[in-house]
Amino acid sequence: MIMGGSKPATLRAVRLIDIHGTRFYDIEYTHDDAPDAVRSARIGPESAYDAPQPGDRVTVSYLMNVVTALARR
């Protein structure tokens, strides 16, 4: 469990979805220190940089094991 902080990762999949008029990104990613463990999260576009793409090297920020932000490295 990641209580807080950030970890380097690589995006594996990114899907822009719309739920009742609200947009979200469904992302799949792997931490650089565990490339075989695919993780997933749903974040709002305000929590990510513009147009994330699979293969992007990112920093994933956490609070209480919940993804709070996605930044390009």
N, C-alpha and C. Protein backbone atom coordinates (compact mmCIF):
# COMPACT_ATOMS: atom_id res chain seq x y z
N MET A 1 0.84 -1.18 0.00
CA MET A 1 0.00 0.00 0.00
C MET A 1 0.89 1.24 0.00
N ILE A 2 0.55 2.21 -0.82
CA ILE A 2 1.29 3.46 -0.90
C ILE A 2 0.49 4.52 -0.14
N MET A 3 0.99 4.93 1.01
CA MET A 3 0.24 5.89 1.84
C MET A 3 0.27 7.29 1.24
N GLY A 4 1.37 7.68 0.68
CA GLY A 4 1.47 9.00 0.07
C GLY A 4 2.79 9.12 -0.64
N GLY A 5 2.89 10.09 -1.53
CA GLY A 5 4.11 10.31 -2.28
C GLY A 5 3.91 10.05 -3.76
N SER A 6 4.99 9.83 -4.47
CA SER A 6 4.91 9.61 -5.91
C SER A 6 5.93 8.56 -6.33
N LYS A 7 5.65 7.94 -7.49
CA LYS A 7 6.52 6.90 -8.02
C LYS A 7 6.62 7.05 -9.53
N PRO A 8 7.81 6.78 -10.10
CA PRO A 8 7.95 6.80 -11.55
C PRO A 8 7.26 5.58 -12.16
N ALA A 9 6.65 5.81 -13.33
CA ALA A 9 5.89 4.74 -13.98
C ALA A 9 5.86 4.97 -15.49
N THR A 10 5.32 3.99 -16.20
CA THR A 10 5.11 4.07 -17.64
C THR A 10 3.66 3.74 -17.93
N LEU A 11 3.02 4.58 -18.74
CA LEU A 11 1.62 4.31 -19.11
C LEU A 11 1.57 3.15 -20.09
N ARG A 12 0.66 2.24 -19.89
CA ARG A 12 0.46 1.09 -20.78
C ARG A 12 -0.79 1.26 -21.63
N ALA A 13 -1.84 1.88 -21.07
CA ALA A 13 -3.09 2.11 -21.81
C ALA A 13 -3.75 3.36 -21.26
N VAL A 14 -4.41 4.11 -22.15
CA VAL A 14 -5.14 5.32 -21.76
C VAL A 14 -6.45 5.33 -22.53
N ARG A 15 -7.56 5.47 -21.81
CA ARG A 15 -8.87 5.57 -22.45
C ARG A 15 -9.59 6.78 -21.88
N LEU A 16 -10.03 7.67 -22.75
CA LEU A 16 -10.85 8.80 -22.33
C LEU A 16 -12.29 8.32 -22.33
N ILE A 17 -12.95 8.42 -21.19
CA ILE A 17 -14.33 7.95 -21.10
C ILE A 17 -15.24 9.10 -20.67
N ASP A 18 -16.51 8.93 -20.91
CA ASP A 18 -17.52 9.93 -20.56
C ASP A 18 -18.60 9.24 -19.75
N ILE A 19 -18.81 9.73 -18.53
CA ILE A 19 -19.86 9.18 -17.67
C ILE A 19 -20.84 10.31 -17.37
N HIS A 20 -22.00 10.24 -17.99
CA HIS A 20 -23.04 11.25 -17.80
C HIS A 20 -22.53 12.67 -18.00
N GLY A 21 -21.71 12.85 -19.03
CA GLY A 21 -21.21 14.18 -19.37
C GLY A 21 -19.94 14.59 -18.66
N THR A 22 -19.42 13.75 -17.79
CA THR A 22 -18.16 14.05 -17.09
C THR A 22 -17.08 13.15 -17.65
N ARG A 23 -15.96 13.74 -18.04
CA ARG A 23 -14.88 12.97 -18.65
C ARG A 23 -13.86 12.52 -17.61
N PHE A 24 -13.31 11.35 -17.88
CA PHE A 24 -12.27 10.76 -17.04
C PHE A 24 -11.28 10.05 -17.94
N TYR A 25 -10.07 9.83 -17.41
CA TYR A 25 -9.11 8.95 -18.05
C TYR A 25 -9.07 7.66 -17.24
N ASP A 26 -9.25 6.53 -17.92
CA ASP A 26 -8.94 5.23 -17.34
C ASP A 26 -7.54 4.90 -17.80
N ILE A 27 -6.63 4.74 -16.86
CA ILE A 27 -5.24 4.49 -17.22
C ILE A 27 -4.79 3.14 -16.66
N GLU A 28 -3.87 2.52 -17.39
CA GLU A 28 -3.15 1.35 -16.92
C GLU A 28 -1.68 1.71 -16.98
N TYR A 29 -0.94 1.34 -15.94
CA TYR A 29 0.46 1.74 -15.86
C TYR A 29 1.24 0.72 -15.05
N THR A 30 2.55 0.77 -15.18
CA THR A 30 3.44 -0.05 -14.37
C THR A 30 4.47 0.85 -13.72
N HIS A 31 4.76 0.58 -12.45
CA HIS A 31 5.83 1.30 -11.77
C HIS A 31 7.16 0.81 -12.34
N ASP A 32 8.11 1.71 -12.40
CA ASP A 32 9.42 1.34 -12.95
C ASP A 32 10.09 0.23 -12.15
N ASP A 33 9.82 0.16 -10.84
CA ASP A 33 10.45 -0.88 -10.02
C ASP A 33 9.67 -2.20 -10.01
N ALA A 34 8.52 -2.25 -10.72
CA ALA A 34 7.72 -3.48 -10.81
C ALA A 34 7.05 -3.54 -12.18
N PRO A 35 7.83 -3.71 -13.25
CA PRO A 35 7.29 -3.61 -14.61
C PRO A 35 6.29 -4.71 -15.00
N ASP A 36 6.19 -5.78 -14.22
CA ASP A 36 5.25 -6.85 -14.55
C ASP A 36 3.90 -6.70 -13.84
N ALA A 37 3.79 -5.75 -12.92
CA ALA A 37 2.55 -5.56 -12.16
C ALA A 37 1.78 -4.37 -12.75
N VAL A 38 0.78 -4.67 -13.57
CA VAL A 38 -0.02 -3.62 -14.19
C VAL A 38 -1.06 -3.12 -13.19
N ARG A 39 -1.10 -1.81 -13.01
CA ARG A 39 -2.06 -1.16 -12.11
C ARG A 39 -3.02 -0.34 -12.95
N SER A 40 -4.15 0.01 -12.37
CA SER A 40 -5.12 0.84 -13.10
C SER A 40 -5.70 1.89 -12.16
N ALA A 41 -6.18 2.97 -12.78
CA ALA A 41 -6.79 4.06 -12.02
C ALA A 41 -7.72 4.84 -12.93
N ARG A 42 -8.63 5.57 -12.33
CA ARG A 42 -9.50 6.50 -13.06
C ARG A 42 -9.25 7.88 -12.46
N ILE A 43 -8.88 8.83 -13.32
CA ILE A 43 -8.60 10.18 -12.86
C ILE A 43 -9.30 11.19 -13.76
N GLY A 44 -9.58 12.34 -13.21
CA GLY A 44 -10.15 13.42 -14.00
C GLY A 44 -9.07 14.10 -14.82
N PRO A 45 -9.46 14.73 -15.92
CA PRO A 45 -8.46 15.41 -16.76
C PRO A 45 -7.71 16.52 -16.04
N GLU A 46 -8.31 17.08 -15.00
CA GLU A 46 -7.63 18.14 -14.23
C GLU A 46 -6.46 17.59 -13.43
N SER A 47 -6.40 16.26 -13.27
CA SER A 47 -5.34 15.62 -12.51
C SER A 47 -4.22 15.07 -13.38
N ALA A 48 -4.31 15.32 -14.70
CA ALA A 48 -3.33 14.80 -15.64
C ALA A 48 -2.86 15.91 -16.58
N TYR A 49 -1.75 15.67 -17.23
CA TYR A 49 -1.27 16.59 -18.27
C TYR A 49 -2.11 16.38 -19.54
N ASP A 50 -1.98 17.28 -20.50
CA ASP A 50 -2.77 17.20 -21.74
C ASP A 50 -2.37 15.99 -22.58
N ALA A 51 -3.37 15.25 -23.01
CA ALA A 51 -3.24 14.14 -23.97
C ALA A 51 -2.23 13.07 -23.56
N PRO A 52 -2.42 12.43 -22.40
CA PRO A 52 -1.53 11.32 -22.06
C PRO A 52 -1.68 10.18 -23.07
N GLN A 53 -0.56 9.50 -23.35
CA GLN A 53 -0.53 8.43 -24.35
C GLN A 53 0.20 7.21 -23.80
N PRO A 54 -0.17 6.00 -24.27
CA PRO A 54 0.58 4.81 -23.87
C PRO A 54 2.06 4.99 -24.23
N GLY A 55 2.92 4.53 -23.34
CA GLY A 55 4.35 4.65 -23.54
C GLY A 55 4.96 5.87 -22.86
N ASP A 56 4.13 6.83 -22.46
CA ASP A 56 4.65 8.01 -21.77
C ASP A 56 5.27 7.62 -20.44
N ARG A 57 6.41 8.21 -20.13
CA ARG A 57 7.05 8.04 -18.83
C ARG A 57 6.48 9.12 -17.92
N VAL A 58 5.94 8.70 -16.79
CA VAL A 58 5.18 9.60 -15.92
C VAL A 58 5.60 9.44 -14.46
N THR A 59 5.14 10.38 -13.65
CA THR A 59 5.21 10.26 -12.21
C THR A 59 3.78 10.19 -11.70
N VAL A 60 3.46 9.14 -10.95
CA VAL A 60 2.13 8.94 -10.40
C VAL A 60 2.16 9.36 -8.94
N SER A 61 1.27 10.28 -8.56
CA SER A 61 1.19 10.73 -7.17
C SER A 61 0.05 10.02 -6.47
N TYR A 62 0.27 9.68 -5.20
CA TYR A 62 -0.69 8.92 -4.41
C TYR A 62 -1.00 9.62 -3.08
N LEU A 63 -2.20 9.35 -2.59
CA LEU A 63 -2.57 9.67 -1.22
C LEU A 63 -3.48 8.55 -0.75
N MET A 64 -3.08 7.86 0.30
CA MET A 64 -3.85 6.73 0.84
C MET A 64 -4.13 5.68 -0.24
N ASN A 65 -3.11 5.38 -1.06
CA ASN A 65 -3.17 4.37 -2.11
C ASN A 65 -4.10 4.73 -3.27
N VAL A 66 -4.52 5.98 -3.36
CA VAL A 66 -5.38 6.45 -4.45
C VAL A 66 -4.56 7.40 -5.32
N VAL A 67 -4.62 7.20 -6.64
CA VAL A 67 -3.91 8.08 -7.56
C VAL A 67 -4.56 9.46 -7.52
N THR A 68 -3.73 10.48 -7.27
CA THR A 68 -4.23 11.86 -7.19
C THR A 68 -3.75 12.73 -8.33
N ALA A 69 -2.66 12.35 -9.00
CA ALA A 69 -2.13 13.17 -10.10
C ALA A 69 -1.22 12.32 -10.98
N LEU A 70 -1.12 12.77 -12.22
CA LEU A 70 -0.28 12.14 -13.21
C LEU A 70 0.51 13.24 -13.90
N ALA A 71 1.83 13.18 -13.81
CA ALA A 71 2.70 14.19 -14.41
C ALA A 71 3.67 13.55 -15.37
N ARG A 72 3.92 14.21 -16.49
CA ARG A 72 4.91 13.71 -17.45
C ARG A 72 6.30 13.93 -16.88
N ARG A 73 7.19 12.94 -17.09
CA ARG A 73 8.58 13.10 -16.64
C ARG A 73 9.41 13.63 -17.77
